[in-house]
Protein backbone atom coordinates (compact mmCIF):
# COMPACT_ATOMS: atom_id res chain seq x y z
CA MET A 1 144.95 35.46 149.15
CA ARG A 2 148.53 36.01 150.12
CA TYR A 3 150.20 33.01 152.09
CA ASP A 4 153.47 31.63 151.93
CA GLU A 5 155.42 29.05 153.80
CA GLN A 6 156.40 31.25 156.91
CA ASP A 7 152.48 31.64 157.76
CA ARG A 8 151.58 30.23 160.76
CA GLU A 9 149.28 27.04 160.69
CA SER A 10 146.78 26.57 163.47
CA SER A 11 147.13 23.48 165.85
CA ASN A 12 143.39 23.39 166.37
CA VAL A 13 142.95 21.13 163.41
CA GLU A 14 141.93 17.46 163.64
CA ASP A 15 142.26 15.57 160.33
CA VAL A 16 140.38 12.53 160.63
CA ARG A 17 139.71 12.10 156.86
CA GLY A 18 139.88 8.45 155.82
CA ARG A 19 138.82 7.18 159.25
CA SER A 20 135.71 5.93 160.17
CA ARG A 21 133.67 5.65 163.62
CA GLY A 22 131.33 2.68 163.80
CA ARG A 23 127.54 3.38 163.18
CA PHE A 24 124.54 2.14 165.64
CA ARG A 25 121.30 0.93 164.94
CA MET A 26 118.28 0.79 167.07
CA PRO A 27 115.72 -2.11 166.04
CA GLY A 28 115.30 -3.94 169.07
CA GLY A 29 118.87 -3.66 170.43
CA PHE A 30 121.78 -1.13 169.63
CA ASN A 31 124.43 -3.09 167.14
CA PHE A 32 128.04 -1.78 167.73
CA PRO A 33 131.20 -3.20 165.46
CA GLY A 34 132.93 -6.16 167.30
CA GLY A 35 136.19 -7.62 166.32
CA ARG A 36 136.76 -8.94 163.04
CA GLY A 37 133.69 -7.52 161.27
CA ARG A 38 131.52 -9.10 164.00
CA ARG A 39 128.67 -7.05 165.53
CA ILE A 40 127.92 -6.99 169.55
CA ARG A 41 124.27 -7.14 169.91
CA ILE A 42 123.00 -5.52 173.11
CA PRO A 43 119.62 -6.18 174.35
CA ILE A 44 117.13 -3.15 175.51
CA GLY A 45 114.27 -3.47 177.54
CA GLY A 46 113.01 -6.66 179.60
CA ARG A 47 109.63 -8.50 179.66
CA ARG A 48 107.87 -5.42 180.68
CA GLY A 49 109.74 -3.09 178.07
CA GLY A 50 112.02 -0.20 179.05
CA PHE A 51 115.43 -0.13 179.97
CA SER A 52 117.61 -1.65 182.97
CA LEU A 53 119.69 0.36 184.80
CA THR A 54 122.70 -2.10 183.69
CA THR A 55 121.70 -1.80 180.17
CA LEU A 56 121.89 2.21 180.22
CA LEU A 57 125.12 2.21 181.73
CA ILE A 58 126.51 -0.45 178.98
CA VAL A 59 124.99 1.52 176.21
CA GLY A 60 126.06 4.87 177.60
CA ALA A 61 129.59 3.74 177.92
CA LEU A 62 129.56 2.26 174.59
CA MET A 63 128.14 5.18 173.12
CA LEU A 64 130.79 7.61 174.55
CA PHE A 65 133.50 5.39 173.30
CA PHE A 66 132.26 5.37 169.82
CA GLY A 67 132.05 9.18 170.02
CA ILE A 68 128.44 9.70 170.33
CA ASN A 69 126.81 11.87 173.18
CA PRO A 70 124.23 9.61 174.81
CA LEU A 71 122.12 12.76 176.02
CA ASP A 72 121.50 13.34 172.23
CA PHE A 73 119.55 10.07 172.31
CA PHE A 74 117.33 10.03 175.11
CA ARG A 75 116.56 13.86 174.97
CA SER A 76 113.41 14.28 172.95
CA GLY A 77 113.49 18.00 173.10
CA PRO A 78 114.15 21.06 175.16
CA THR A 79 114.09 20.40 179.05
CA GLY A 80 113.55 22.95 181.66
CA GLY A 81 112.03 26.19 181.54
CA ALA A 82 113.84 29.05 179.41
CA PRO A 83 113.97 32.30 180.75
CA ASP A 84 111.52 34.87 179.27
CA TYR A 85 114.08 37.49 177.44
CA THR A 86 112.44 40.52 176.82
CA GLN A 87 115.67 41.59 174.66
CA VAL A 88 117.04 40.36 171.63
CA PRO A 89 120.90 39.10 171.45
CA ARG A 90 123.00 42.08 170.94
CA MET A 91 126.67 42.40 170.14
CA PRO A 92 129.00 43.79 172.81
CA GLY A 93 128.77 47.58 172.54
CA SER A 94 125.04 47.54 170.93
CA GLU A 95 122.92 49.61 173.14
CA ARG A 96 119.69 49.24 171.03
CA THR A 97 117.04 46.94 172.40
CA GLN A 98 113.77 46.54 170.42
CA PRO A 99 110.99 44.00 170.40
CA ARG A 100 112.30 40.15 169.95
CA PRO A 101 112.21 39.87 166.02
CA GLN A 102 110.06 36.78 164.75
CA ALA A 103 111.83 33.82 163.39
CA ASP A 104 112.38 30.07 161.75
CA ALA A 105 113.30 26.94 162.88
CA ARG A 106 115.06 24.59 160.57
CA ASN A 107 118.48 25.21 161.87
CA ARG A 108 120.43 23.61 158.68
CA PRO A 109 124.32 24.35 158.79
CA LEU A 110 125.83 25.97 155.97
CA GLY A 111 126.42 23.91 152.98
CA PHE A 112 129.42 24.97 150.74
CA PRO A 113 132.24 23.97 148.79
CA SER A 114 135.83 23.67 145.92
CA ASP A 115 139.02 22.13 145.87
CA ARG A 116 142.13 24.21 144.35
CA PRO A 117 144.14 22.14 142.07
CA GLY A 118 147.53 21.22 143.34
CA ALA A 119 150.14 23.82 142.31
CA SER A 120 153.17 22.02 143.44
CA GLY A 121 153.70 18.19 143.82
CA VAL A 122 151.47 18.17 147.07
CA PRO A 123 148.17 16.73 146.45
CA ALA A 124 145.23 19.41 145.99
CA ARG A 125 143.48 17.69 149.05
CA ASP A 126 146.50 18.33 151.47
CA GLU A 127 147.18 21.80 149.78
CA LEU A 128 143.64 22.81 150.63
CA ALA A 129 144.03 21.52 154.26
CA THR A 130 147.06 23.67 154.83
CA PHE A 131 145.21 26.77 153.36
CA ILE A 132 142.50 25.99 155.78
CA LYS A 133 144.92 25.70 158.98
CA ARG A 134 146.58 29.16 157.82
CA VAL A 135 143.20 30.78 157.60
CA LEU A 136 141.96 29.37 161.10
CA ALA A 137 145.19 30.62 162.27
CA ASP A 138 144.51 34.04 160.98
CA THR A 139 140.95 33.95 162.66
CA GLU A 140 142.56 33.21 165.95
CA ASP A 141 144.98 36.02 165.84
CA VAL A 142 142.13 38.31 165.09
CA TRP A 143 139.65 37.48 167.40
CA HIS A 144 142.08 36.94 170.28
CA ARG A 145 142.88 40.71 169.84
CA GLU A 146 139.08 41.90 169.53
CA PHE A 147 138.12 39.83 172.37
CA ARG A 148 140.89 41.44 174.42
CA ASN A 149 139.44 44.76 173.31
CA LEU A 150 136.16 43.94 174.81
CA GLY A 151 137.59 42.67 178.12
CA ARG A 152 137.18 39.19 177.38
CA ARG A 153 138.99 36.11 176.59
CA TYR A 154 138.62 34.16 173.47
CA ARG A 155 138.56 30.54 173.44
CA GLU A 156 139.73 28.93 169.99
CA PRO A 157 137.31 26.39 168.21
CA LYS A 158 138.62 22.95 167.03
CA LEU A 159 138.31 22.33 163.30
CA VAL A 160 137.59 18.93 162.26
CA LEU A 161 138.27 17.74 158.75
CA TYR A 162 136.43 14.39 158.04
CA THR A 163 135.22 12.20 155.10
CA GLY A 164 131.45 11.40 154.54
CA SER A 165 130.25 10.76 158.07
CA TRP A 166 131.84 11.33 161.53
CA PRO A 167 130.37 11.51 165.21
CA THR A 168 129.79 15.14 166.87
CA ALA A 169 128.42 16.32 170.25
CA CYS A 170 125.43 17.67 168.02
CA GLY A 171 124.61 14.18 166.37
CA ARG A 172 126.26 12.55 163.35
CA GLY A 173 127.76 14.84 161.00
CA GLN A 174 126.95 13.89 157.52
CA ALA A 175 128.78 15.22 154.11
CA ALA A 176 125.37 16.28 152.82
CA MET A 177 124.81 19.01 155.89
CA GLY A 178 127.86 20.81 154.57
CA PRO A 179 130.30 22.61 156.84
CA PHE A 180 128.86 23.25 160.43
CA TYR A 181 129.42 24.49 164.13
CA CYS A 182 128.57 22.38 166.77
CA PRO A 183 128.24 24.38 170.25
CA ALA A 184 128.14 21.41 172.20
CA ASP A 185 131.95 20.37 171.60
CA GLN A 186 132.84 24.06 170.15
CA LYS A 187 134.03 22.59 167.07
CA ILE A 188 133.69 23.33 163.22
CA TYR A 189 133.29 20.31 160.86
CA ILE A 190 134.26 20.07 157.45
CA ASP A 191 134.05 17.85 154.64
CA LEU A 192 136.35 18.97 151.97
CA SER A 193 134.40 17.78 149.16
CA PHE A 194 131.97 20.81 149.95
CA TYR A 195 134.74 22.88 148.27
CA GLU A 196 134.13 21.27 145.13
CA GLN A 197 130.73 21.99 145.24
CA LEU A 198 131.35 25.41 145.89
CA LYS A 199 133.26 25.65 142.67
CA SER A 200 131.03 23.42 140.30
CA ARG A 201 127.83 23.29 141.59
CA PHE A 202 127.60 27.04 142.95
CA LYS A 203 130.22 28.53 140.58
CA ALA A 204 132.08 30.38 143.41
CA PRO A 205 135.64 29.32 143.05
CA GLY A 206 138.60 31.17 144.86
CA ASP A 207 140.52 30.64 147.84
CA PHE A 208 138.72 33.88 149.68
CA ALA A 209 135.49 32.13 148.97
CA GLN A 210 137.00 28.98 150.92
CA ALA A 211 138.11 31.30 153.58
CA TYR A 212 134.84 32.95 153.92
CA VAL A 213 133.45 29.51 154.60
CA ILE A 214 135.54 28.90 157.62
CA ALA A 215 134.93 32.65 158.63
CA HIS A 216 131.35 32.28 158.80
CA GLU A 217 131.45 29.05 160.84
CA VAL A 218 133.83 30.66 163.50
CA GLY A 219 131.48 33.66 163.52
CA HIS A 220 128.77 31.04 165.02
CA HIS A 221 131.63 30.19 167.67
CA ILE A 222 131.89 33.90 168.56
CA GLN A 223 128.13 34.12 168.97
CA PHE A 224 128.25 30.92 171.27
CA LEU A 225 131.02 32.54 173.22
CA LEU A 226 129.13 35.68 173.62
CA GLY A 227 126.08 33.78 174.84
CA ILE A 228 124.00 34.99 171.65
CA ALA A 229 123.76 31.39 170.46
CA THR A 230 122.10 30.12 173.73
CA GLN A 231 119.44 33.15 173.68
CA VAL A 232 118.51 32.12 170.09
CA GLN A 233 118.21 28.50 170.92
CA GLN A 234 116.06 29.62 173.87
CA MET A 235 113.73 31.90 171.94
CA LYS A 236 113.30 29.25 169.00
CA ALA A 237 111.94 26.89 171.71
CA ARG A 238 109.04 29.13 172.15
CA LEU A 239 108.33 30.22 168.37
CA SER A 240 106.56 28.52 165.64
CA LYS A 241 108.46 26.94 162.90
CA THR A 242 107.98 30.27 160.64
CA GLN A 243 109.06 32.44 163.50
CA ALA A 244 111.80 30.23 164.44
CA ASN A 245 113.28 30.35 160.85
CA ARG A 246 113.11 34.35 161.06
CA VAL A 247 115.42 34.32 164.02
CA GLN A 248 117.74 31.93 162.63
CA VAL A 249 118.28 33.92 159.56
CA ARG A 250 119.18 36.87 161.61
CA MET A 251 121.64 34.30 163.48
CA GLU A 252 123.30 33.36 160.21
CA LEU A 253 123.39 36.75 158.74
CA GLN A 254 125.28 37.92 161.98
CA ALA A 255 127.90 35.26 161.19
CA ASP A 256 128.21 36.53 157.74
CA CYS A 257 128.57 39.97 158.99
CA LEU A 258 131.58 38.70 161.33
CA ALA A 259 133.01 37.02 158.61
CA GLY A 260 133.27 40.50 156.87
CA VAL A 261 134.63 42.10 160.01
CA TRP A 262 137.19 39.39 160.13
CA ALA A 263 138.31 39.90 156.57
CA LYS A 264 138.62 43.56 157.31
CA LEU A 265 140.66 43.11 160.22
CA ASN A 266 143.00 40.54 159.13
CA ASP A 267 143.91 42.54 155.94
CA GLN A 268 144.76 45.44 158.25
CA LEU A 269 146.72 43.17 160.38
CA LYS A 270 148.40 40.76 157.73
CA ASN A 271 147.66 42.34 154.29
CA ARG A 272 146.15 38.81 153.04
CA LEU A 273 143.73 40.19 150.66
CA GLU A 274 144.67 40.44 146.66
CA PRO A 275 142.58 41.91 144.05
CA GLY A 276 139.29 40.21 143.49
CA ASP A 277 139.28 38.48 146.82
CA ILE A 278 136.21 40.40 148.21
CA GLU A 279 134.48 39.90 145.00
CA GLU A 280 135.05 35.88 145.51
CA GLY A 281 133.56 36.24 149.04
CA LEU A 282 130.66 38.25 147.65
CA ASN A 283 129.93 35.65 144.97
CA ALA A 284 130.12 32.89 147.48
CA ALA A 285 127.45 34.62 149.83
CA SER A 286 125.24 35.37 146.73
CA ALA A 287 125.54 31.86 145.47
CA ILE A 288 124.52 30.30 148.78
CA GLY A 289 121.23 32.38 149.65
CA ASP A 290 118.23 30.52 150.37
CA ASP A 291 116.50 31.99 147.29
CA MET A 292 118.99 30.91 144.88
CA ILE A 293 119.29 27.53 146.47
CA GLN A 294 115.50 26.97 146.40
CA ARG A 295 114.98 28.07 142.97
CA ARG A 296 117.90 25.80 141.85
CA THR A 297 116.39 22.54 143.81
CA THR A 298 112.56 23.54 143.59
CA GLY A 299 112.03 26.13 140.93
CA ARG A 300 110.32 28.56 143.38
CA VAL A 301 111.02 30.60 146.30
CA VAL A 302 109.27 30.46 149.67
CA PRO A 303 110.75 33.07 152.09
CA ASP A 304 108.95 31.59 155.32
CA ALA A 305 111.35 28.59 154.71
CA PHE A 306 114.37 30.79 154.59
CA THR A 307 117.11 29.59 157.47
CA HIS A 308 120.05 31.43 156.16
CA GLY A 309 118.90 34.80 154.35
CA SER A 310 118.49 35.53 150.71
CA SER A 311 121.46 36.28 148.59
CA GLU A 312 121.05 40.12 148.60
CA GLN A 313 120.70 39.81 152.56
CA ARG A 314 124.16 37.51 152.68
CA VAL A 315 125.93 40.17 150.50
CA ARG A 316 124.59 43.06 152.53
CA TRP A 317 125.55 41.77 155.85
CA PHE A 318 129.04 40.69 154.63
CA LYS A 319 129.83 44.05 153.40
CA VAL A 320 128.46 45.83 156.66
CA GLY A 321 131.02 43.86 158.40
CA PHE A 322 133.45 44.41 155.95
CA ASP A 323 133.20 48.25 155.56
CA SER A 324 132.65 48.92 159.25
CA GLY A 325 135.38 46.29 160.62
CA ARG A 326 133.39 46.31 163.95
CA MET A 327 131.50 43.74 165.56
CA GLN A 328 129.08 46.06 166.91
CA ALA A 329 127.84 46.78 163.25
CA CYS A 330 126.80 43.24 163.16
CA ASP A 331 123.41 43.92 165.23
CA THR A 332 121.32 41.89 163.05
CA PHE A 333 118.76 41.07 165.82
CA SER A 334 117.78 44.96 166.31
CA ALA A 335 118.13 45.76 162.57
CA GLN A 336 114.80 46.99 160.86
CA ARG A 337 116.01 46.03 157.62
CA LEU A 338 117.73 42.84 156.88
């Protein structure tokens, strides 16, 4: 991709690499880090069990202080009755309505990957962080323009660079989860070690492959802003695991398609693409298809367990977005063939 020192870097990046937030445990009480390595033990429940109001207030305040959403801890499942949607989520401008597709439930964030070697005296990891800031800036410029064309306002997501583990409003982020988007705080979380995996484990090197990762997660943010993500979660709450998985696949393929739309519009706007870039993106999309990952890890393919789509599906929907350059083309929920 074509970037130079004059290109804008997004200010929406929080770099917390090397920092840590205390973890909590719940045996018979919560353990929070205290001063000088000591731990503060907070008892929970009295003689009859349960929580006192004072304990709940203290625990809630401490959890917020350490970046943990207290609601995540006490919420055991969907609350309230979800409206009965008779139409599947649609992109703006898409007029087709068809019966709700069947779906799958394991909402696992995308796991990706690859560090570029430092070309200058700048450490490779810092050079990669700079690259990510420029890519995020490009997503901001493209989607601000597209949302204005829709008569809407685009709210920029934050992107958090962390190491190993970090608290989020969706629960604790772990490096093993891969890059993911949290709608509760509208942030994208990435441990840069996953870029090393994209190159070494998934055999998908290249700077555009890395940009595709960011663009896919920003695609989930767009789904949130348009209300699609909320409808999908409400749908999945009423479905079996296999059915919910199928809906989740459509959600992920739509994010792939939106990544393709961004790539096309960004190149039209800023002439970013170089020969081989799109091939890098397609290679990355193929490498992290559910069938490829299942075959590599278990030796067999189980379509009912797909949550992101097959390699062929991911490549196809990225190309649909790139070839059309239109958000409306990303109507995976009404598509007869994925």
